[in-house]
């Protein structure tokens, strides 16, 4: 990367800071532009790195003059005016994962999909580390790929990759790529489902025959993937076990993960780990000790025989379907938020079979009420996590599950899905203390 002298960064989030750190480590000058006020703590870090910054506006001249690349935060939509002007100038716009991959000379595992990315990324890393392989989780999971490369403390990078990050790759080439699933999501940002699916499939476009692609053979959206990589198909999974291509069979009782979708996630992580020489004994041991990230079918507590599960990260219907399918008890379902255009008819049969009451935790309740009022007798509204717990307990009996699995974004009543999940857990904690 000796030819790169200067980059510009759009967006001062985790990916922007990571890209700046990696650039400065390699002697590249950096200009960073943020449309909002930059938090003081972050600004101090950027100043220490000798990064030139502007906030509250974007100046085109600063973003293109003498600049080799513009690195765009994945949260910035491609259609905004400043990006159009940058493209017209001829300066390449790339994603932060592209920038990181330009500086990475160690094996890269990239994991994408509409659902299950974080669980599979963390589980893959856990298995590799349990087997002594020195791996690190990074990317869309929080710690940016660029920051991990700049730190240079790992021998294998396990990168969670979103469609937004893949939109702006040029030569990003993972040694192992995994596409877990492609189902409707982020259609407020993409012009069609096919457009969204195309972004996901880009994870494979630079792979060669020396690389590996792991896919679910039942995912019809993956049939059109064109790749030179060696393909490993994940076999159909049951709720109670996973069967790997090597012939290894692992029972769900060997892990704390809940549901068929998590058996699929475990199958992906296991197949990836086997590519790095992990043995069956090491694999089984790692699966038995793995604890999933918060807000993903997280078992919060059992109080008076009622189990409380926090699945706040379930912001689309597929994630909710996985949750409902994976719980073999009567469910009081807490749902709602900022609707993404959900077609609730897709889960009506499942809700009719599993759900005894619905608590709508949202400012807007009509979509869920209209979809389920004819099949669920008890539907009631709540405006806070504590109220949702109080109302859920009207209908929950010993042996039931109170499930927060919203199917929607969180921004009407909460800061984000983490805030929503944390408030749910705090409400359960308060109930337990009583």
Protein backbone atom coordinates (compact mmCIF):
# COMPACT_ATOMS: atom_id res chain seq x y z
CA UNK A 1 0.00 0.00 0.00
CA UNK A 2 2.98 2.31 -0.51
CA UNK A 3 1.18 4.15 -3.31
CA UNK A 4 -1.66 5.29 -1.02
CA UNK A 5 -0.77 8.66 0.49
CA UNK A 6 -4.10 10.05 1.68
CA UNK A 7 -7.60 8.78 2.35
CA UNK A 8 -10.86 10.43 3.33
CA UNK A 9 -13.38 8.80 5.66
CA UNK A 10 -17.11 9.47 5.69
CA UNK A 11 -18.55 8.71 9.12
CA UNK A 12 -16.95 8.76 12.57
CA UNK A 13 -18.27 5.48 13.96
CA UNK A 14 -16.42 2.30 14.85
CA UNK A 15 -15.50 1.56 11.23
CA UNK A 16 -14.30 5.12 10.66
CA UNK A 17 -12.05 5.08 13.71
CA UNK A 18 -10.67 1.66 12.78
CA UNK A 19 -9.94 2.75 9.21
CA UNK A 20 -8.17 5.86 10.53
CA UNK A 21 -6.06 3.85 12.96
CA UNK A 22 -4.98 1.44 10.24
CA UNK A 23 -4.17 4.29 7.86
CA UNK A 24 -2.06 6.18 10.37
CA UNK A 25 -0.20 3.01 11.32
CA UNK A 26 0.81 2.73 7.67
CA UNK A 27 1.80 6.38 7.33
CA UNK A 28 -1.28 7.41 5.35
CA UNK A 29 -2.74 10.86 6.06
CA UNK A 30 -6.45 10.96 6.91
CA UNK A 31 -9.30 13.43 6.57
CA UNK A 32 -12.53 12.42 8.35
CA UNK A 33 -15.90 14.07 7.75
CA UNK A 34 -18.93 13.49 10.00
CA UNK A 35 -22.38 14.98 9.43
CA UNK A 36 -23.19 14.93 13.16
CA UNK A 37 -21.27 16.18 16.17
CA UNK A 38 -18.39 13.81 16.93
CA UNK A 39 -18.51 12.56 20.56
CA UNK A 40 -15.73 14.12 22.60
CA UNK A 41 -14.16 10.78 23.57
CA UNK A 42 -13.92 9.77 19.91
CA UNK A 43 -12.65 13.22 18.89
CA UNK A 44 -9.78 12.91 21.40
CA UNK A 45 -8.74 9.60 19.82
CA UNK A 46 -8.82 11.08 16.31
CA UNK A 47 -6.75 14.10 17.36
CA UNK A 48 -4.14 11.81 18.95
CA UNK A 49 -3.91 10.03 15.59
CA UNK A 50 -3.33 13.37 13.83
CA UNK A 51 -6.52 12.91 11.81
CA UNK A 52 -7.94 16.04 10.21
CA UNK A 53 -11.65 16.26 11.03
CA UNK A 54 -14.76 18.22 10.20
CA UNK A 55 -18.19 17.77 11.77
CA UNK A 56 -21.78 18.84 11.09
CA UNK A 57 -21.16 19.10 7.33
CA UNK A 58 -19.30 17.50 4.40
CA UNK A 59 -16.91 19.58 2.27
CA UNK A 60 -16.49 18.04 -1.17
CA UNK A 61 -13.06 19.55 -1.83
CA UNK A 62 -11.68 18.05 1.40
CA UNK A 63 -13.04 14.64 0.45
CA UNK A 64 -11.56 14.44 -3.06
CA UNK A 65 -8.49 16.68 -3.45
CA UNK A 66 -5.32 14.60 -3.23
CA UNK A 67 -7.33 11.62 -1.95
CA UNK A 68 -6.66 8.06 -3.15
CA UNK A 69 -9.78 6.48 -1.61
CA UNK A 70 -12.93 7.55 0.22
CA UNK A 71 -13.88 5.01 2.89
CA UNK A 72 -17.61 5.09 3.58
CA UNK A 73 -19.31 4.07 6.81
CA UNK A 74 -21.71 1.17 6.11
CA UNK A 75 -24.51 3.14 7.78
CA UNK A 76 -24.46 5.84 5.08
CA UNK A 77 -26.91 5.15 2.20
CA UNK A 78 -25.32 5.10 -1.25
CA UNK A 79 -27.83 7.51 -2.76
CA UNK A 80 -26.94 10.65 -0.81
CA UNK A 81 -25.78 13.73 -2.73
CA UNK A 82 -22.21 13.91 -1.41
CA UNK A 83 -21.52 10.34 -2.57
CA UNK A 84 -22.85 11.11 -6.03
CA UNK A 85 -20.48 14.07 -6.27
CA UNK A 86 -17.52 11.97 -5.07
CA UNK A 87 -18.29 9.33 -7.71
CA UNK A 88 -18.46 12.02 -10.37
CA UNK A 89 -14.98 13.18 -9.32
CA UNK A 90 -13.56 9.73 -10.05
CA UNK A 91 -12.24 9.07 -6.53
CA UNK A 92 -12.98 5.40 -5.64
CA UNK A 93 -15.41 4.81 -2.76
CA UNK A 94 -14.63 1.66 -0.77
CA UNK A 95 -15.87 0.00 2.39
CA UNK A 96 -13.85 -0.31 5.57
CA UNK A 97 -13.57 -4.10 5.12
CA UNK A 98 -12.01 -3.50 1.70
CA UNK A 99 -9.47 -1.14 3.29
CA UNK A 100 -8.66 -3.67 6.02
CA UNK A 101 -8.25 -6.53 3.53
CA UNK A 102 -5.68 -4.46 1.60
CA UNK A 103 -3.44 -4.60 4.69
CA UNK A 104 -4.19 -8.15 5.87
CA UNK A 105 -1.84 -11.03 5.05
CA UNK A 106 -3.40 -13.63 7.35
CA UNK A 107 -6.36 -16.00 6.81
CA UNK A 108 -9.76 -14.30 6.68
CA UNK A 109 -13.08 -16.00 7.39
CA UNK A 110 -16.03 -13.85 6.29
CA UNK A 111 -19.56 -14.67 7.46
CA UNK A 112 -22.71 -13.05 6.09
CA UNK A 113 -26.44 -13.77 6.05
CA UNK A 114 -29.72 -12.14 6.97
CA UNK A 115 -29.82 -13.95 10.32
CA UNK A 116 -27.29 -15.73 12.53
CA UNK A 117 -24.15 -13.80 11.56
CA UNK A 118 -23.09 -12.79 15.05
CA UNK A 119 -23.75 -16.16 16.66
CA UNK A 120 -21.87 -17.99 13.91
CA UNK A 121 -18.97 -15.51 14.01
CA UNK A 122 -18.60 -15.78 17.78
CA UNK A 123 -18.98 -19.56 17.76
CA UNK A 124 -16.43 -20.01 14.97
CA UNK A 125 -13.95 -17.85 16.88
CA UNK A 126 -14.66 -19.72 20.11
CA UNK A 127 -14.05 -23.12 18.50
CA UNK A 128 -10.81 -21.98 16.86
CA UNK A 129 -9.49 -20.41 20.06
CA UNK A 130 -10.50 -23.41 22.16
CA UNK A 131 -8.39 -25.48 19.77
CA UNK A 132 -5.43 -23.11 20.15
CA UNK A 133 -5.71 -21.28 16.81
CA UNK A 134 -5.57 -17.59 18.00
CA UNK A 135 -8.59 -16.13 16.17
CA UNK A 136 -10.43 -12.84 16.67
CA UNK A 137 -14.03 -11.81 15.91
CA UNK A 138 -14.37 -8.47 14.15
CA UNK A 139 -16.32 -6.59 11.48
CA UNK A 140 -20.03 -5.84 11.78
CA UNK A 141 -19.95 -7.44 15.22
CA UNK A 142 -18.52 -4.25 16.81
CA UNK A 143 -14.73 -4.26 16.71
CA UNK A 144 -13.93 -3.22 13.14
CA UNK A 145 -11.87 -5.38 10.79
CA UNK A 146 -9.48 -2.44 10.29
CA UNK A 147 -8.92 -2.03 14.04
CA UNK A 148 -8.23 -5.76 14.39
CA UNK A 149 -5.70 -5.64 11.54
CA UNK A 150 -4.08 -2.54 13.06
CA UNK A 151 -3.75 -4.31 16.43
CA UNK A 152 -2.22 -7.37 14.70
CA UNK A 153 -2.79 -9.71 17.64
CA UNK A 154 -4.53 -12.60 15.83
CA UNK A 155 -3.51 -15.29 13.35
CA UNK A 156 -7.04 -15.72 11.93
CA UNK A 157 -9.64 -12.99 11.40
CA UNK A 158 -13.29 -14.05 11.67
CA UNK A 159 -15.21 -11.18 10.09
CA UNK A 160 -18.97 -10.65 10.38
CA UNK A 161 -19.94 -8.93 7.13
CA UNK A 162 -23.15 -7.06 6.34
CA UNK A 163 -24.66 -6.33 2.94
CA UNK A 164 -23.91 -2.64 3.50
CA UNK A 165 -20.20 -3.44 3.88
CA UNK A 166 -20.21 -5.66 0.79
CA UNK A 167 -21.79 -2.91 -1.33
CA UNK A 168 -18.43 -1.12 -1.59
CA UNK A 169 -15.83 -3.88 -1.99
CA UNK A 170 -13.41 -4.08 -4.90
CA UNK A 171 -11.02 -6.96 -4.25
CA UNK A 172 -12.12 -8.26 -0.81
CA UNK A 173 -11.28 -11.98 -0.94
CA UNK A 174 -11.91 -14.15 2.12
CA UNK A 175 -10.12 -17.48 2.35
CA UNK A 176 -13.34 -18.95 3.74
CA UNK A 177 -16.72 -17.34 3.06
CA UNK A 178 -20.01 -18.44 4.61
CA UNK A 179 -23.45 -17.35 3.40
CA UNK A 180 -25.86 -18.50 6.09
CA UNK A 181 -29.13 -17.43 4.47
CA UNK A 182 -30.66 -14.66 2.40
CA UNK A 183 -34.17 -13.61 3.38
CA UNK A 184 -36.00 -10.26 3.06
CA UNK A 185 -34.38 -7.52 5.18
CA UNK A 186 -33.25 -3.90 4.80
CA UNK A 187 -35.74 -3.38 1.98
CA UNK A 188 -35.99 0.24 3.11
CA UNK A 189 -32.47 0.65 1.72
CA UNK A 190 -32.45 -1.66 -1.32
CA UNK A 191 -34.72 -1.19 -4.32
CA UNK A 192 -35.72 -4.88 -4.32
CA UNK A 193 -35.03 -8.19 -2.61
CA UNK A 194 -32.91 -9.25 -5.60
CA UNK A 195 -30.79 -6.13 -5.15
CA UNK A 196 -30.29 -6.97 -1.48
CA UNK A 197 -29.48 -10.62 -2.30
CA UNK A 198 -26.93 -9.51 -4.89
CA UNK A 199 -25.09 -7.53 -2.22
CA UNK A 200 -24.88 -10.58 0.03
CA UNK A 201 -23.56 -12.78 -2.80
CA UNK A 202 -20.71 -10.37 -3.48
CA UNK A 203 -18.83 -12.01 -0.61
CA UNK A 204 -17.80 -14.73 -3.10
CA UNK A 205 -16.99 -12.70 -6.21
CA UNK A 206 -13.20 -12.52 -5.77
CA UNK A 207 -12.68 -16.03 -4.39
CA UNK A 208 -10.48 -18.48 -6.29
CA UNK A 209 -10.39 -22.28 -6.44
CA UNK A 210 -8.04 -22.25 -3.44
CA UNK A 211 -10.76 -20.68 -1.29
CA UNK A 212 -13.78 -22.21 0.48
CA UNK A 213 -17.47 -21.26 0.30
CA UNK A 214 -19.86 -22.73 2.89
CA UNK A 215 -23.57 -22.50 2.05
CA UNK A 216 -26.92 -23.97 3.08
CA UNK A 217 -27.95 -26.19 0.18
CA UNK A 218 -31.63 -25.56 0.92
CA UNK A 219 -31.34 -21.79 0.44
CA UNK A 220 -32.77 -21.26 -3.06
CA UNK A 221 -31.40 -17.71 -3.18
CA UNK A 222 -27.90 -19.19 -3.20
CA UNK A 223 -28.38 -21.35 -6.30
CA UNK A 224 -27.27 -18.52 -8.58
CA UNK A 225 -23.99 -17.81 -6.77
CA UNK A 226 -21.11 -17.81 -9.25
CA UNK A 227 -17.79 -18.65 -7.62
CA UNK A 228 -14.55 -20.45 -8.28
CA UNK A 229 -14.25 -21.46 -4.63
CA UNK A 230 -14.60 -25.02 -3.37
CA UNK A 231 -18.15 -25.30 -2.05
CA UNK A 232 -19.22 -27.04 1.17
CA UNK A 233 -22.96 -27.59 1.50
CA UNK A 234 -24.54 -27.55 4.93
CA UNK A 235 -26.89 -30.52 5.22
CA UNK A 236 -30.51 -30.05 6.41
CA UNK A 237 -30.46 -29.71 10.19
CA UNK A 238 -32.92 -30.92 12.81
CA UNK A 239 -33.72 -29.22 16.11
CA UNK A 240 -32.02 -32.00 18.06
CA UNK A 241 -28.77 -32.61 16.17
CA UNK A 242 -26.38 -31.49 13.43
CA UNK A 243 -24.76 -33.81 10.92
CA UNK A 244 -21.52 -32.57 9.37
CA UNK A 245 -20.16 -33.56 5.96
CA UNK A 246 -17.34 -35.39 7.73
CA UNK A 247 -19.89 -37.74 9.30
CA UNK A 248 -19.64 -36.18 12.76
CA UNK A 249 -23.03 -35.93 14.51
CA UNK A 250 -23.51 -33.48 17.36
CA UNK A 251 -26.58 -33.41 19.63
CA UNK A 252 -28.28 -30.19 20.68
CA UNK A 253 -27.79 -31.39 24.25
CA UNK A 254 -24.05 -30.77 23.79
CA UNK A 255 -24.61 -26.98 23.52
CA UNK A 256 -26.69 -24.26 25.21
CA UNK A 257 -27.91 -22.93 21.85
CA UNK A 258 -31.70 -22.95 21.35
CA UNK A 259 -33.56 -23.90 18.17
CA UNK A 260 -33.07 -25.31 14.68
CA UNK A 261 -31.54 -22.10 13.33
CA UNK A 262 -28.83 -22.27 15.96
CA UNK A 263 -28.13 -25.87 14.99
CA UNK A 264 -27.57 -24.50 11.48
CA UNK A 265 -25.28 -21.81 12.91
CA UNK A 266 -23.36 -24.48 14.81
CA UNK A 267 -23.06 -26.55 11.62
CA UNK A 268 -21.58 -23.58 9.74
CA UNK A 269 -19.12 -22.79 12.52
CA UNK A 270 -18.14 -26.45 12.82
CA UNK A 271 -17.56 -26.91 9.07
CA UNK A 272 -15.41 -23.76 9.02
CA UNK A 273 -13.39 -24.86 12.04
CA UNK A 274 -12.72 -28.27 10.48
CA UNK A 275 -11.06 -26.47 7.56
CA UNK A 276 -8.44 -25.25 10.04
CA UNK A 277 -7.64 -28.70 11.38
CA UNK A 278 -9.82 -28.66 14.49
CA UNK A 279 -10.39 -32.23 15.71
CA UNK A 280 -13.73 -33.81 16.65
CA UNK A 281 -12.75 -33.86 20.32
CA UNK A 282 -11.80 -30.18 20.24
CA UNK A 283 -15.01 -29.34 18.38
CA UNK A 284 -17.30 -31.07 20.87
CA UNK A 285 -15.51 -29.50 23.82
CA UNK A 286 -15.83 -26.00 22.34
CA UNK A 287 -19.52 -26.39 21.52
CA UNK A 288 -20.23 -27.41 25.12
CA UNK A 289 -18.59 -24.29 26.56
CA UNK A 290 -19.93 -21.63 24.16
CA UNK A 291 -22.11 -18.81 25.51
CA UNK A 292 -23.94 -16.76 22.89
CA UNK A 293 -23.88 -12.95 22.67
CA UNK A 294 -26.59 -11.06 24.59
CA UNK A 295 -30.02 -10.38 23.05
CA UNK A 296 -30.02 -13.54 20.90
CA UNK A 297 -32.38 -16.06 22.50
CA UNK A 298 -30.71 -15.19 25.79
CA UNK A 299 -32.08 -17.07 28.77
CA UNK A 300 -32.56 -14.28 31.34
CA UNK A 301 -34.22 -16.06 34.27
CA UNK A 302 -36.86 -18.54 35.35
CA UNK A 303 -39.25 -17.15 37.98
CA UNK A 304 -42.07 -19.20 39.46
CA UNK A 305 -41.63 -21.72 36.66
CA UNK A 306 -41.89 -19.04 33.92
CA UNK A 307 -38.87 -18.67 31.64
CA UNK A 308 -37.92 -15.20 30.32
CA UNK A 309 -35.99 -15.07 27.04
CA UNK A 310 -34.44 -11.94 25.55
CA UNK A 311 -34.30 -12.11 21.74
CA UNK A 312 -34.22 -8.35 21.15
CA UNK A 313 -31.85 -8.77 18.18
CA UNK A 314 -34.71 -10.48 16.28
CA UNK A 315 -35.64 -7.46 14.16
CA UNK A 316 -37.15 -9.36 11.22
CA UNK A 317 -39.72 -12.10 10.74
CA UNK A 318 -37.25 -14.86 9.94
CA UNK A 319 -35.49 -14.37 13.27
CA UNK A 320 -38.84 -14.48 15.07
CA UNK A 321 -39.81 -17.62 13.20
CA UNK A 322 -36.58 -19.28 14.33
CA UNK A 323 -37.33 -18.30 17.93
CA UNK A 324 -40.92 -19.55 17.89
CA UNK A 325 -39.90 -22.83 16.24
CA UNK A 326 -37.13 -23.41 18.76
CA UNK A 327 -39.29 -23.09 21.89
CA UNK A 328 -41.38 -26.13 22.76
CA UNK A 329 -43.60 -24.41 25.35
CA UNK A 330 -46.55 -22.03 25.40
CA UNK A 331 -45.32 -18.53 24.60
CA UNK A 332 -46.32 -15.05 25.68
CA UNK A 333 -44.82 -13.12 22.79
CA UNK A 334 -43.60 -9.52 23.26
CA UNK A 335 -43.32 -7.97 19.79
CA UNK A 336 -43.41 -4.69 17.93
CA UNK A 337 -41.43 -1.54 17.23
CA UNK A 338 -40.66 0.20 13.94
CA UNK A 339 -42.14 -2.11 11.33
CA UNK A 340 -40.02 -2.87 8.24
CA UNK A 341 -42.99 -3.79 6.08
CA UNK A 342 -43.41 -7.25 7.61
CA UNK A 343 -45.79 -9.75 6.02
CA UNK A 344 -47.11 -11.32 9.21
CA UNK A 345 -49.17 -13.88 7.30
CA UNK A 346 -45.91 -15.82 6.92
CA UNK A 347 -45.92 -16.74 10.62
CA UNK A 348 -49.66 -16.81 11.40
CA UNK A 349 -49.84 -20.61 11.54
CA UNK A 350 -46.84 -20.76 13.84
CA UNK A 351 -48.24 -18.06 16.11
CA UNK A 352 -51.61 -19.82 16.25
CA UNK A 353 -49.86 -23.00 17.35
CA UNK A 354 -47.39 -21.58 19.87
CA UNK A 355 -48.58 -18.20 21.21
CA UNK A 356 -51.23 -17.76 23.94
CA UNK A 357 -50.89 -13.95 24.29
CA UNK A 358 -49.20 -11.06 22.49
CA UNK A 359 -47.85 -7.94 24.19
CA UNK A 360 -47.23 -5.19 21.61
CA UNK A 361 -44.27 -3.13 22.82
CA UNK A 362 -44.56 -0.23 20.41
CA UNK A 363 -46.07 3.18 19.69
CA UNK A 364 -47.71 1.73 16.56
CA UNK A 365 -49.80 -1.38 17.20
CA UNK A 366 -52.20 -1.74 14.27
CA UNK A 367 -50.06 -3.98 12.02
CA UNK A 368 -49.65 -6.70 14.64
CA UNK A 369 -53.24 -6.37 15.90
CA UNK A 370 -54.63 -6.69 12.37
CA UNK A 371 -52.43 -9.70 11.61
CA UNK A 372 -53.17 -11.75 14.72
CA UNK A 373 -56.39 -10.59 16.39
CA UNK A 374 -58.35 -13.37 14.68
CA UNK A 375 -56.04 -16.13 15.94
CA UNK A 376 -54.79 -14.90 19.35
CA UNK A 377 -57.45 -13.97 21.88
CA UNK A 378 -55.21 -11.96 24.20
CA UNK A 379 -53.45 -8.98 22.57
CA UNK A 380 -52.53 -5.98 24.69
CA UNK A 381 -50.35 -2.88 24.29
CA UNK A 382 -47.36 -1.76 26.36
CA UNK A 383 -45.20 1.37 26.23
CA UNK A 384 -42.22 0.22 28.29
CA UNK A 385 -40.27 -2.95 28.99
CA UNK A 386 -41.41 -3.03 32.61
CA UNK A 387 -45.06 -2.68 31.57
CA UNK A 388 -44.63 -5.49 29.01
CA UNK A 389 -43.33 -7.82 31.74
CA UNK A 390 -46.16 -6.88 34.10
CA UNK A 391 -48.76 -7.51 31.39
CA UNK A 392 -47.12 -10.75 30.22
CA UNK A 393 -47.39 -12.15 33.70
CA UNK A 394 -51.17 -11.84 33.55
CA UNK A 395 -51.18 -14.67 31.03
CA UNK A 396 -48.06 -16.69 31.91
CA UNK A 397 -48.34 -19.87 33.95
CA UNK A 398 -45.81 -22.32 35.33
CA UNK A 399 -44.03 -23.91 32.33
CA UNK A 400 -44.66 -21.01 29.93
CA UNK A 401 -42.10 -18.76 28.21
CA UNK A 402 -42.19 -14.96 28.03
CA UNK A 403 -40.33 -14.20 24.81
CA UNK A 404 -39.12 -10.77 23.68
CA UNK A 405 -38.67 -11.30 19.92
CA UNK A 406 -39.85 -8.05 18.33
CA UNK A 407 -39.74 -8.60 14.52
CA UNK A 408 -39.17 -4.84 14.30
CA UNK A 409 -36.55 -2.17 14.81
CA UNK A 410 -36.42 -0.54 18.22
CA UNK A 411 -36.23 3.17 17.54
CA UNK A 412 -39.74 4.21 18.59
CA UNK A 413 -39.32 3.48 22.31
CA UNK A 414 -35.62 2.59 22.68
CA UNK A 415 -32.19 3.75 21.56
CA UNK A 416 -31.45 0.45 19.79
CA UNK A 417 -32.02 -3.28 20.16
CA UNK A 418 -29.37 -3.42 22.91
CA UNK A 419 -31.20 -0.80 24.96
CA UNK A 420 -34.48 -2.66 24.40
CA UNK A 421 -32.93 -5.96 25.51
CA UNK A 422 -31.23 -4.43 28.52
CA UNK A 423 -34.45 -2.78 29.69
CA UNK A 424 -36.23 -6.12 29.30
CA UNK A 425 -33.57 -7.85 31.38
CA UNK A 426 -33.71 -5.13 34.04
CA UNK A 427 -37.49 -5.52 34.25
CA UNK A 428 -37.10 -9.26 34.74
CA UNK A 429 -34.44 -8.61 37.38
CA UNK A 430 -36.81 -6.28 39.24
CA UNK A 431 -39.52 -8.94 39.09
CA UNK A 432 -37.13 -11.53 40.47
CA UNK A 433 -36.11 -9.22 43.34
CA UNK A 434 -39.76 -8.80 44.32
